[in-house]
Amino acid sequence: MQEVQQHAVTIGPHEHPGVADVQLRSERNTRRVIVLTAVTMVAEIAAGSVFNSMALLADGWHMGSHASALGITAFAYRYARRHADNARFTFGTWKVGALGGFASAVILAVVAALLVWESLHRFAAPLPIEFNEAIAVAVLGLLVNLVSAAILHDSDHDHGGESHRQHDHNLRAAYLHVLTDALTSVLAISALLVGKFLGWVWMDPLTGIIGAVVITLWSVGLVRDTSRVLLDGDVDPEMGERLRRAIESDADNRVVDLHLWRLGPQGLSAIIAVATHEPKAPEYYKRLVADVGLTHVTIEVNRCPGEECAVMFAPTAAAPP
């Protein structure tokens, strides 16, 4: 096969205008949530230790781990912003957000395991609980979580476009942390109320196990989604088929190699190798895929003469559906 045209590259903006400003607002809001979470964490851990409430103590440590995870989130935003123009990052720093989300998901899983361990211990060795004081602190924790969720929800709403919101895994991780905190606060309040009025003290450690199950499910989902981004596996397969059909529907073109990956929340890049009897300029093939929505395209065009073409274009060599 003789190569007659090599590379043609079109590079578009990797981020939409205003994205940096939105990310800066998200970073500031995340810092506010960190302060609220850290203060409430100290209050709940201290109260849980004094009032012997496993539900409250678990909620406090849970918030502590989330304060650390939210710190990772803030760091990811700051790192991406400071290195946005660094030439060492060929395609930008947008994946730092996904990396922060992945790290946060791992922390969630560790928190779930610790909750189960401590809850089982309290089943075996229950302690007397001062319900009124513990309930008051748990309600305070829930209010803080609701305020934090509202702050992060506003940041998520500010992100331009549904596609961008779906791919800001860093912000999603922070939001999930706050939601899980709110859930454990609700569970803690419920367990303490039941323990106080019905005498079911075992509800206190049971709360930790229930919360751990829910946290694990959310953690697994976040690990799955962020892993796809980090491993360049989050592009819809239909996008590749659209590219293939756009090129192969013209003349006798055949796409012999295709690589598609994401450059940012709304940017896609493609490397496409085309074989044909009568090759044209790379710009011609770029026009064929202009409507697919790529921001960075590399086209390689190869002449395919004689018997080689007959083999390449045989039905058995056709691309899979």
Protein backbone atom coordinates (compact mmCIF):
# COMPACT_ATOMS: atom_id res chain seq x y z
CA MET A 1 0.00 0.00 0.00
CA GLN A 2 1.49 3.35 -1.04
CA GLU A 3 0.86 6.31 1.17
CA VAL A 4 0.21 9.47 -0.85
CA GLN A 5 -1.29 11.82 1.74
CA GLN A 6 -0.22 11.83 5.35
CA HIS A 7 -1.54 14.03 8.12
CA ALA A 8 -3.97 16.90 8.22
CA VAL A 9 -4.77 18.31 11.61
CA THR A 10 -7.58 20.57 12.67
CA ILE A 11 -7.39 21.83 16.19
CA GLY A 12 -10.35 23.56 17.75
CA PRO A 13 -10.83 24.93 21.24
CA HIS A 14 -10.72 22.19 23.87
CA GLU A 15 -12.99 24.11 26.22
CA HIS A 16 -15.99 26.30 25.64
CA PRO A 17 -15.77 29.99 26.53
CA GLY A 18 -16.57 30.68 30.14
CA VAL A 19 -15.72 27.17 31.37
CA ALA A 20 -12.68 28.43 33.32
CA ASP A 21 -14.83 31.01 35.14
CA VAL A 22 -17.42 28.37 35.99
CA GLN A 23 -14.71 26.03 37.31
CA LEU A 24 -13.32 28.85 39.47
CA ARG A 25 -16.76 29.39 41.01
CA SER A 26 -17.03 25.66 41.61
CA GLU A 27 -13.65 25.69 43.35
CA ARG A 28 -14.68 28.55 45.63
CA ASN A 29 -17.98 26.88 46.50
CA THR A 30 -16.18 23.62 47.22
CA ARG A 31 -13.90 25.44 49.67
CA ARG A 32 -16.91 26.85 51.48
CA VAL A 33 -18.35 23.36 51.78
CA ILE A 34 -15.02 22.07 53.14
CA VAL A 35 -15.08 24.63 55.96
CA LEU A 36 -18.70 23.81 56.85
CA THR A 37 -18.01 20.07 56.75
CA ALA A 38 -14.83 20.29 58.83
CA VAL A 39 -16.50 22.33 61.59
CA THR A 40 -19.50 19.99 61.73
CA MET A 41 -17.19 16.96 61.71
CA VAL A 42 -15.42 18.14 64.87
CA ALA A 43 -18.74 18.81 66.58
CA GLU A 44 -20.20 15.38 65.70
CA ILE A 45 -17.11 13.37 66.62
CA ALA A 46 -16.85 15.15 69.97
CA ALA A 47 -20.56 14.76 70.66
CA GLY A 48 -20.60 11.13 69.55
CA SER A 49 -17.75 10.30 71.90
CA VAL A 50 -19.32 12.10 74.85
CA PHE A 51 -22.88 10.86 74.28
CA ASN A 52 -21.88 7.28 73.25
CA SER A 53 -23.77 7.37 69.95
CA MET A 54 -22.35 5.11 67.26
CA ALA A 55 -24.65 6.69 64.66
CA LEU A 56 -23.42 10.19 65.53
CA LEU A 57 -19.79 9.13 65.83
CA ALA A 58 -19.93 7.32 62.48
CA ASP A 59 -21.56 10.34 60.88
CA GLY A 60 -18.81 12.56 62.25
CA TRP A 61 -15.98 10.38 60.96
CA HIS A 62 -17.87 10.04 57.73
CA MET A 63 -17.91 13.82 57.39
CA GLY A 64 -14.22 13.91 58.29
CA SER A 65 -13.31 11.61 55.45
CA HIS A 66 -15.47 13.68 53.15
CA ALA A 67 -13.72 16.86 54.25
CA SER A 68 -10.49 15.23 53.08
CA ALA A 69 -12.09 14.06 49.85
CA LEU A 70 -13.52 17.51 49.20
CA GLY A 71 -10.01 18.82 49.75
CA ILE A 72 -8.93 16.58 46.88
CA THR A 73 -11.72 18.08 44.81
CA ALA A 74 -10.58 21.64 45.54
CA PHE A 75 -6.98 20.67 44.77
CA ALA A 76 -8.05 19.18 41.44
CA TYR A 77 -9.79 22.41 40.44
CA ARG A 78 -6.81 24.53 41.50
CA TYR A 79 -4.28 22.27 39.77
CA ALA A 80 -6.27 22.24 36.52
CA ARG A 81 -6.59 26.03 36.60
CA ARG A 82 -2.92 26.72 37.35
CA HIS A 83 -1.67 24.36 34.64
CA ALA A 84 -4.29 25.08 32.00
CA ASP A 85 -1.66 26.72 29.73
CA ASN A 86 1.17 24.30 30.50
CA ALA A 87 2.49 22.88 27.21
CA ARG A 88 3.43 19.62 28.95
CA PHE A 89 -0.28 18.75 29.09
CA THR A 90 -0.89 18.27 25.38
CA PHE A 91 -4.66 18.05 25.66
CA GLY A 92 -5.14 20.21 28.75
CA THR A 93 -5.74 19.34 32.39
CA TRP A 94 -9.44 18.50 32.28
CA LYS A 95 -8.85 14.88 33.36
CA VAL A 96 -7.58 16.08 36.74
CA GLY A 97 -11.24 16.45 37.66
CA ALA A 98 -11.95 12.83 36.77
CA LEU A 99 -8.86 11.76 38.73
CA GLY A 100 -10.12 13.69 41.75
CA GLY A 101 -13.50 12.02 41.39
CA PHE A 102 -11.86 8.58 41.24
CA ALA A 103 -9.81 9.27 44.38
CA SER A 104 -12.92 10.47 46.18
CA ALA A 105 -14.78 7.31 45.20
CA VAL A 106 -12.00 5.18 46.66
CA ILE A 107 -12.21 7.13 49.92
CA LEU A 108 -15.97 6.50 49.96
CA ALA A 109 -15.34 2.76 49.76
CA VAL A 110 -12.84 2.89 52.64
CA VAL A 111 -15.33 4.87 54.74
CA ALA A 112 -17.98 2.21 54.09
CA ALA A 113 -15.66 -0.56 55.29
CA LEU A 114 -14.79 1.35 58.48
CA LEU A 115 -18.47 1.99 59.20
CA VAL A 116 -19.25 -1.72 58.98
CA TRP A 117 -16.34 -2.64 61.26
CA GLU A 118 -17.25 -0.15 63.98
CA SER A 119 -20.96 -0.98 63.78
CA LEU A 120 -20.30 -4.69 64.29
CA HIS A 121 -18.16 -3.85 67.29
CA ARG A 122 -20.98 -1.79 68.81
CA PHE A 123 -23.43 -4.67 68.26
CA ALA A 124 -21.19 -6.83 70.44
CA ALA A 125 -20.47 -4.15 73.06
CA PRO A 126 -23.28 -1.55 73.18
CA LEU A 127 -22.88 1.62 75.25
CA PRO A 128 -25.56 3.77 76.96
CA ILE A 129 -26.58 6.67 74.72
CA GLU A 130 -27.60 10.20 75.71
CA PHE A 131 -30.30 10.52 73.08
CA ASN A 132 -31.49 14.12 73.43
CA GLU A 133 -28.04 15.67 73.05
CA ALA A 134 -27.06 13.30 70.25
CA ILE A 135 -30.25 14.03 68.29
CA ALA A 136 -29.69 17.79 68.52
CA VAL A 137 -26.16 17.48 67.10
CA ALA A 138 -27.32 15.11 64.35
CA VAL A 139 -30.01 17.60 63.27
CA LEU A 140 -27.34 20.31 63.11
CA GLY A 141 -25.23 18.03 60.90
CA LEU A 142 -28.17 17.45 58.56
CA LEU A 143 -28.79 21.20 58.21
CA VAL A 144 -25.13 21.78 57.34
CA ASN A 145 -25.27 19.02 54.74
CA LEU A 146 -28.37 20.52 53.13
CA VAL A 147 -26.74 23.94 52.93
CA SER A 148 -23.59 22.38 51.42
CA ALA A 149 -25.64 20.44 48.87
CA ALA A 150 -27.41 23.64 47.83
CA ILE A 151 -24.06 25.39 47.31
CA LEU A 152 -22.69 22.59 45.14
CA HIS A 153 -25.98 22.22 43.26
CA ASP A 154 -25.73 25.88 42.24
CA SER A 155 -22.23 25.21 40.89
CA ASP A 156 -23.48 22.20 38.94
CA HIS A 157 -26.35 24.25 37.52
CA ASP A 158 -23.90 26.96 36.40
CA HIS A 159 -21.91 24.52 34.26
CA GLY A 160 -22.85 25.33 30.68
CA GLY A 161 -24.73 22.54 28.98
CA GLU A 162 -25.91 19.12 30.02
CA SER A 163 -22.87 17.47 28.43
CA HIS A 164 -20.48 19.51 30.57
CA ARG A 165 -22.38 18.72 33.75
CA GLN A 166 -22.28 15.02 32.97
CA HIS A 167 -18.51 15.03 32.55
CA ASP A 168 -17.48 17.20 35.52
CA HIS A 169 -16.85 14.11 37.63
CA ASN A 170 -14.93 16.16 40.16
CA LEU A 171 -17.96 18.30 40.98
CA ARG A 172 -20.19 15.24 40.91
CA ALA A 173 -17.90 13.52 43.43
CA ALA A 174 -18.12 16.50 45.78
CA TYR A 175 -21.90 16.55 45.45
CA LEU A 176 -22.11 12.82 46.16
CA HIS A 177 -19.99 13.23 49.27
CA VAL A 178 -22.39 15.83 50.62
CA LEU A 179 -25.41 13.70 49.74
CA THR A 180 -23.98 10.69 51.52
CA ASP A 181 -23.31 12.89 54.54
CA ALA A 182 -26.94 14.01 54.47
CA LEU A 183 -28.07 10.40 54.21
CA THR A 184 -26.03 9.29 57.21
CA SER A 185 -27.35 12.27 59.17
CA VAL A 186 -30.94 11.23 58.39
CA LEU A 187 -30.15 7.65 59.36
CA ALA A 188 -28.48 8.81 62.58
CA ILE A 189 -31.49 10.93 63.54
CA SER A 190 -33.90 8.09 62.76
CA ALA A 191 -31.89 5.54 64.74
CA LEU A 192 -31.58 7.85 67.73
CA LEU A 193 -35.33 8.63 67.73
CA VAL A 194 -36.21 4.93 67.53
CA GLY A 195 -33.70 4.12 70.25
CA LYS A 196 -35.07 6.84 72.51
CA PHE A 197 -38.80 6.14 72.13
CA LEU A 198 -38.83 2.38 71.47
CA GLY A 199 -35.71 1.32 73.32
CA TRP A 200 -34.20 -0.32 70.22
CA VAL A 201 -30.61 0.58 70.97
CA TRP A 202 -29.39 -1.85 68.31
CA MET A 203 -30.72 0.57 65.68
CA ASP A 204 -27.74 2.80 66.41
CA PRO A 205 -25.06 0.41 65.04
CA LEU A 206 -27.44 -0.87 62.37
CA THR A 207 -27.49 2.65 60.97
CA GLY A 208 -23.78 2.43 60.25
CA ILE A 209 -24.19 -0.76 58.23
CA ILE A 210 -27.12 0.59 56.18
CA GLY A 211 -25.20 3.75 55.41
CA ALA A 212 -22.16 1.72 54.40
CA VAL A 213 -24.17 -0.28 51.85
CA VAL A 214 -25.55 2.86 50.18
CA ILE A 215 -22.15 4.54 50.16
CA THR A 216 -20.59 1.47 48.56
CA LEU A 217 -23.15 1.47 45.75
CA TRP A 218 -22.52 5.13 44.98
CA SER A 219 -18.78 4.61 45.19
CA VAL A 220 -18.84 1.74 42.70
CA GLY A 221 -20.85 3.83 40.24
CA LEU A 222 -18.46 6.77 40.52
CA VAL A 223 -15.40 4.53 40.10
CA ARG A 224 -16.95 3.04 36.98
CA ASP A 225 -17.73 6.41 35.40
CA THR A 226 -14.42 8.10 36.22
CA SER A 227 -12.44 5.03 35.12
CA ARG A 228 -14.01 5.29 31.68
CA VAL A 229 -12.81 8.87 31.41
CA LEU A 230 -9.28 8.13 32.64
CA LEU A 231 -8.96 5.16 30.26
CA ASP A 232 -10.50 7.01 27.28
CA GLY A 233 -13.47 4.70 27.21
CA ASP A 234 -16.34 7.14 27.71
CA VAL A 235 -17.00 7.99 24.04
CA ASP A 236 -20.28 6.70 22.65
CA PRO A 237 -19.49 3.84 20.19
CA GLU A 238 -22.15 5.27 17.88
CA MET A 239 -19.87 8.26 17.32
CA GLY A 240 -17.24 6.03 15.73
CA GLU A 241 -19.87 4.42 13.52
CA ARG A 242 -21.06 7.84 12.40
CA LEU A 243 -17.52 8.74 11.38
CA ARG A 244 -17.11 5.46 9.53
CA ARG A 245 -20.41 5.82 7.67
CA ALA A 246 -19.71 9.45 6.73
CA ILE A 247 -16.44 8.48 5.04
CA GLU A 248 -17.33 5.08 3.58
CA SER A 249 -20.58 6.33 2.05
CA ASP A 250 -18.49 8.43 -0.32
CA ALA A 251 -16.89 6.74 -3.35
CA ASP A 252 -14.97 3.55 -2.49
CA ASN A 253 -13.40 4.82 0.74
CA ARG A 254 -12.64 2.37 3.49
CA VAL A 255 -11.74 3.35 7.08
CA VAL A 256 -8.89 1.01 8.01
CA ASP A 257 -8.00 2.54 11.37
CA LEU A 258 -9.99 4.75 13.72
CA HIS A 259 -9.16 6.11 17.17
CA LEU A 260 -11.59 8.36 19.00
CA TRP A 261 -11.15 9.92 22.43
CA ARG A 262 -12.30 12.88 24.48
CA LEU A 263 -10.29 16.09 24.77
CA GLY A 264 -12.57 17.75 27.29
CA PRO A 265 -16.14 17.76 28.57
CA GLN A 266 -17.40 18.68 25.08
CA GLY A 267 -14.41 18.08 22.80
CA LEU A 268 -13.63 14.96 20.78
CA SER A 269 -10.48 14.01 18.89
CA ALA A 270 -10.08 11.45 16.12
CA ILE A 271 -7.27 9.81 14.15
CA ILE A 272 -8.64 8.26 10.96
CA ALA A 273 -6.76 6.23 8.34
CA VAL A 274 -8.53 5.94 4.97
CA ALA A 275 -7.73 3.62 2.07
CA THR A 276 -9.14 4.33 -1.39
CA HIS A 277 -8.44 3.77 -5.10
CA GLU A 278 -8.44 7.49 -5.88
CA PRO A 279 -7.17 9.45 -2.86
CA LYS A 280 -8.06 13.10 -2.42
CA ALA A 281 -6.64 15.83 -0.23
CA PRO A 282 -7.14 15.28 3.52
CA GLU A 283 -9.34 18.39 3.66
CA TYR A 284 -11.87 16.58 1.47
CA TYR A 285 -12.34 13.82 4.07
CA LYS A 286 -12.46 16.37 6.87
CA ARG A 287 -15.46 17.95 5.16
CA LEU A 288 -17.16 14.55 5.10
CA VAL A 289 -17.04 14.37 8.92
CA ALA A 290 -17.59 18.08 9.58
CA ASP A 291 -21.08 17.47 11.00
CA VAL A 292 -20.01 14.79 13.49
CA GLY A 293 -18.72 17.32 16.03
CA LEU A 294 -14.95 16.89 16.33
CA THR A 295 -12.56 19.55 17.61
CA HIS A 296 -9.29 17.83 16.71
CA VAL A 297 -8.95 15.64 13.60
CA THR A 298 -6.01 13.83 12.02
CA ILE A 299 -6.62 12.27 8.59
CA GLU A 300 -4.27 9.84 6.85
CA VAL A 301 -5.09 8.91 3.26
CA ASN A 302 -3.57 5.86 1.54
CA ARG A 303 -3.73 4.73 -2.07
CA CYS A 304 -4.75 1.11 -2.42
CA PRO A 305 -3.85 -0.23 -5.88
CA GLY A 306 -4.39 -3.60 -7.56
CA GLU A 307 -4.89 -6.83 -5.65
CA GLU A 308 -4.35 -5.21 -2.25
CA CYS A 309 -7.48 -3.16 -2.77
CA ALA A 310 -9.45 -6.20 -3.91
CA VAL A 311 -8.64 -7.93 -0.62
CA MET A 312 -9.22 -4.86 1.53
CA PHE A 313 -12.61 -4.12 0.01
CA ALA A 314 -13.83 -7.71 0.06
CA PRO A 315 -17.06 -8.21 2.09
CA THR A 316 -15.21 -10.23 4.75
CA ALA A 317 -13.09 -7.19 5.54
CA ALA A 318 -16.06 -4.96 6.18
CA ALA A 319 -16.25 -3.12 9.47
CA PRO A 320 -18.41 -4.79 12.10
CA PRO A 321 -21.82 -3.21 12.67
